[in-house]
């Protein structure tokens, strides 16, 4: 998934998009994203609530 984000991904990453791309539930997508945030690989955008998106931490 990180390779997709670094090369071919266009737009904002959301939990719904993560779930569709990886064919998992939205809950699993959120756990995956939270894990990557804890490891410093992803960052949460400034918007919150339903418009929360994530980006690769460089």
N, C-alpha and C. Protein backbone atom coordinates (compact mmCIF):
# COMPACT_ATOMS: atom_id res chain seq x y z
N UNK A 1 0.82 -1.19 0.00
CA UNK A 1 0.00 0.00 0.00
C UNK A 1 0.87 1.26 0.00
N UNK A 2 1.96 1.24 0.75
CA UNK A 2 2.83 2.42 0.78
C UNK A 2 3.44 2.68 -0.59
N UNK A 3 3.75 1.63 -1.34
CA UNK A 3 4.27 1.82 -2.69
C UNK A 3 3.25 2.53 -3.57
N UNK A 4 1.99 2.18 -3.43
CA UNK A 4 0.93 2.84 -4.20
C UNK A 4 0.86 4.31 -3.82
N UNK A 5 0.94 4.60 -2.52
CA UNK A 5 0.87 5.99 -2.06
C UNK A 5 2.04 6.82 -2.58
N UNK A 6 3.19 6.21 -2.69
CA UNK A 6 4.38 6.94 -3.13
C UNK A 6 4.46 7.10 -4.64
N UNK A 7 3.78 6.24 -5.40
CA UNK A 7 3.93 6.30 -6.86
C UNK A 7 2.65 6.66 -7.60
N UNK A 8 1.61 5.86 -7.47
CA UNK A 8 0.45 5.98 -8.35
C UNK A 8 -0.79 6.59 -7.71
N UNK A 9 -0.71 7.10 -6.50
CA UNK A 9 -1.91 7.56 -5.81
C UNK A 9 -2.19 9.01 -6.12
N UNK A 10 -3.46 9.32 -6.42
CA UNK A 10 -3.88 10.69 -6.70
C UNK A 10 -5.02 11.04 -5.76
N UNK A 11 -4.97 12.22 -5.17
CA UNK A 11 -6.04 12.68 -4.30
C UNK A 11 -5.71 12.46 -2.84
N UNK A 12 -6.71 12.63 -1.99
CA UNK A 12 -6.52 12.48 -0.55
C UNK A 12 -6.76 11.04 -0.14
N UNK A 13 -5.94 10.56 0.77
CA UNK A 13 -6.11 9.21 1.31
C UNK A 13 -7.08 9.28 2.48
N UNK A 14 -8.13 8.50 2.41
CA UNK A 14 -9.10 8.40 3.50
C UNK A 14 -9.19 6.93 3.90
N UNK A 15 -9.84 6.68 5.03
CA UNK A 15 -10.00 5.29 5.46
C UNK A 15 -10.85 4.51 4.45
N UNK A 16 -11.83 5.17 3.85
CA UNK A 16 -12.67 4.49 2.87
C UNK A 16 -11.86 4.07 1.64
N UNK A 17 -11.01 4.97 1.14
CA UNK A 17 -10.17 4.63 -0.02
C UNK A 17 -9.21 3.50 0.34
N UNK A 18 -8.62 3.56 1.55
CA UNK A 18 -7.70 2.51 1.99
C UNK A 18 -8.44 1.17 2.01
N UNK A 19 -9.65 1.16 2.55
CA UNK A 19 -10.43 -0.08 2.64
C UNK A 19 -10.75 -0.64 1.25
N UNK A 20 -11.06 0.22 0.30
CA UNK A 20 -11.38 -0.23 -1.05
C UNK A 20 -10.14 -0.79 -1.73
N UNK A 21 -9.02 -0.09 -1.62
CA UNK A 21 -7.80 -0.53 -2.30
C UNK A 21 -7.29 -1.84 -1.72
N UNK A 22 -7.33 -1.98 -0.40
CA UNK A 22 -6.79 -3.17 0.23
C UNK A 22 -7.83 -4.27 0.45
N UNK A 23 -9.07 -3.99 0.08
CA UNK A 23 -10.17 -4.95 0.21
C UNK A 23 -10.34 -5.43 1.66
N UNK A 24 -10.43 -4.46 2.57
CA UNK A 24 -10.65 -4.76 3.97
C UNK A 24 -11.78 -3.89 4.49
N UNK A 25 -12.16 -4.08 5.75
CA UNK A 25 -13.21 -3.25 6.33
C UNK A 25 -12.66 -1.87 6.67
N UNK A 26 -13.56 -0.93 6.88
CA UNK A 26 -13.15 0.43 7.24
C UNK A 26 -12.48 0.42 8.62
N UNK A 27 -12.95 -0.43 9.53
CA UNK A 27 -12.33 -0.53 10.85
C UNK A 27 -10.88 -1.01 10.75
N UNK A 28 -10.65 -2.02 9.91
CA UNK A 28 -9.30 -2.53 9.70
C UNK A 28 -8.43 -1.47 9.05
N UNK A 29 -8.99 -0.75 8.08
CA UNK A 29 -8.24 0.33 7.43
C UNK A 29 -7.81 1.38 8.44
N UNK A 30 -8.71 1.74 9.34
CA UNK A 30 -8.38 2.74 10.36
C UNK A 30 -7.27 2.24 11.28
N UNK A 31 -7.33 0.96 11.66
CA UNK A 31 -6.27 0.40 12.51
C UNK A 31 -4.94 0.39 11.77
N UNK A 32 -4.95 0.03 10.48
CA UNK A 32 -3.73 0.05 9.68
C UNK A 32 -3.14 1.45 9.60
N UNK A 33 -3.99 2.43 9.32
CA UNK A 33 -3.55 3.81 9.20
C UNK A 33 -3.02 4.32 10.54
N UNK A 34 -3.72 4.02 11.62
CA UNK A 34 -3.26 4.45 12.95
C UNK A 34 -1.89 3.85 13.28
N UNK A 35 -1.69 2.59 12.89
CA UNK A 35 -0.40 1.93 13.11
C UNK A 35 0.71 2.65 12.35
N UNK A 36 0.44 3.02 11.11
CA UNK A 36 1.44 3.72 10.31
C UNK A 36 1.70 5.15 10.82
N UNK A 37 0.69 5.77 11.40
CA UNK A 37 0.89 7.08 12.03
C UNK A 37 1.81 6.94 13.23
N UNK A 38 1.57 5.90 14.05
CA UNK A 38 2.40 5.67 15.23
C UNK A 38 3.85 5.41 14.84
N UNK A 39 4.07 4.75 13.69
CA UNK A 39 5.42 4.45 13.22
C UNK A 39 6.06 5.62 12.48
N UNK A 40 5.30 6.71 12.29
CA UNK A 40 5.84 7.90 11.65
C UNK A 40 5.85 7.86 10.14
N UNK A 41 5.11 6.94 9.54
CA UNK A 41 5.08 6.82 8.08
C UNK A 41 3.97 7.64 7.45
N UNK A 42 2.89 7.86 8.17
CA UNK A 42 1.77 8.68 7.69
C UNK A 42 1.53 9.81 8.68
N UNK A 43 0.92 10.87 8.18
CA UNK A 43 0.51 11.99 9.02
C UNK A 43 -0.95 12.29 8.76
N UNK A 44 -1.64 12.71 9.81
CA UNK A 44 -3.04 13.10 9.68
C UNK A 44 -3.08 14.53 9.16
N UNK A 45 -3.98 14.79 8.22
CA UNK A 45 -4.13 16.15 7.72
C UNK A 45 -4.79 17.02 8.79
N UNK A 46 -4.82 18.31 8.55
CA UNK A 46 -5.34 19.22 9.57
C UNK A 46 -6.86 19.14 9.71
N UNK A 47 -7.56 18.75 8.66
CA UNK A 47 -9.01 18.61 8.75
C UNK A 47 -9.34 17.42 9.64
N UNK A 48 -10.50 17.46 10.27
CA UNK A 48 -10.89 16.35 11.12
C UNK A 48 -12.34 15.98 10.84
N UNK A 49 -12.82 14.98 11.55
CA UNK A 49 -14.19 14.53 11.35
C UNK A 49 -14.31 13.69 10.09
N UNK A 50 -15.36 13.89 9.35
CA UNK A 50 -15.60 13.09 8.15
C UNK A 50 -14.62 13.41 7.04
N UNK A 51 -13.99 14.56 7.11
CA UNK A 51 -13.07 14.95 6.03
C UNK A 51 -11.61 14.65 6.38
N UNK A 52 -11.38 13.79 7.35
CA UNK A 52 -10.01 13.44 7.74
C UNK A 52 -9.33 12.71 6.60
N UNK A 53 -8.14 13.17 6.27
CA UNK A 53 -7.34 12.49 5.26
C UNK A 53 -5.92 12.36 5.80
N UNK A 54 -5.14 11.56 5.12
CA UNK A 54 -3.79 11.24 5.58
C UNK A 54 -2.83 11.44 4.43
N UNK A 55 -1.56 11.68 4.79
CA UNK A 55 -0.53 11.85 3.76
C UNK A 55 0.75 11.19 4.23
N UNK A 56 1.59 10.86 3.29
CA UNK A 56 2.87 10.22 3.60
C UNK A 56 3.76 11.23 4.29
N UNK A 57 4.37 10.81 5.40
CA UNK A 57 5.30 11.67 6.13
C UNK A 57 6.65 11.57 5.45
N UNK A 58 7.18 12.70 5.06
CA UNK A 58 8.47 12.69 4.36
C UNK A 58 9.58 13.12 5.23
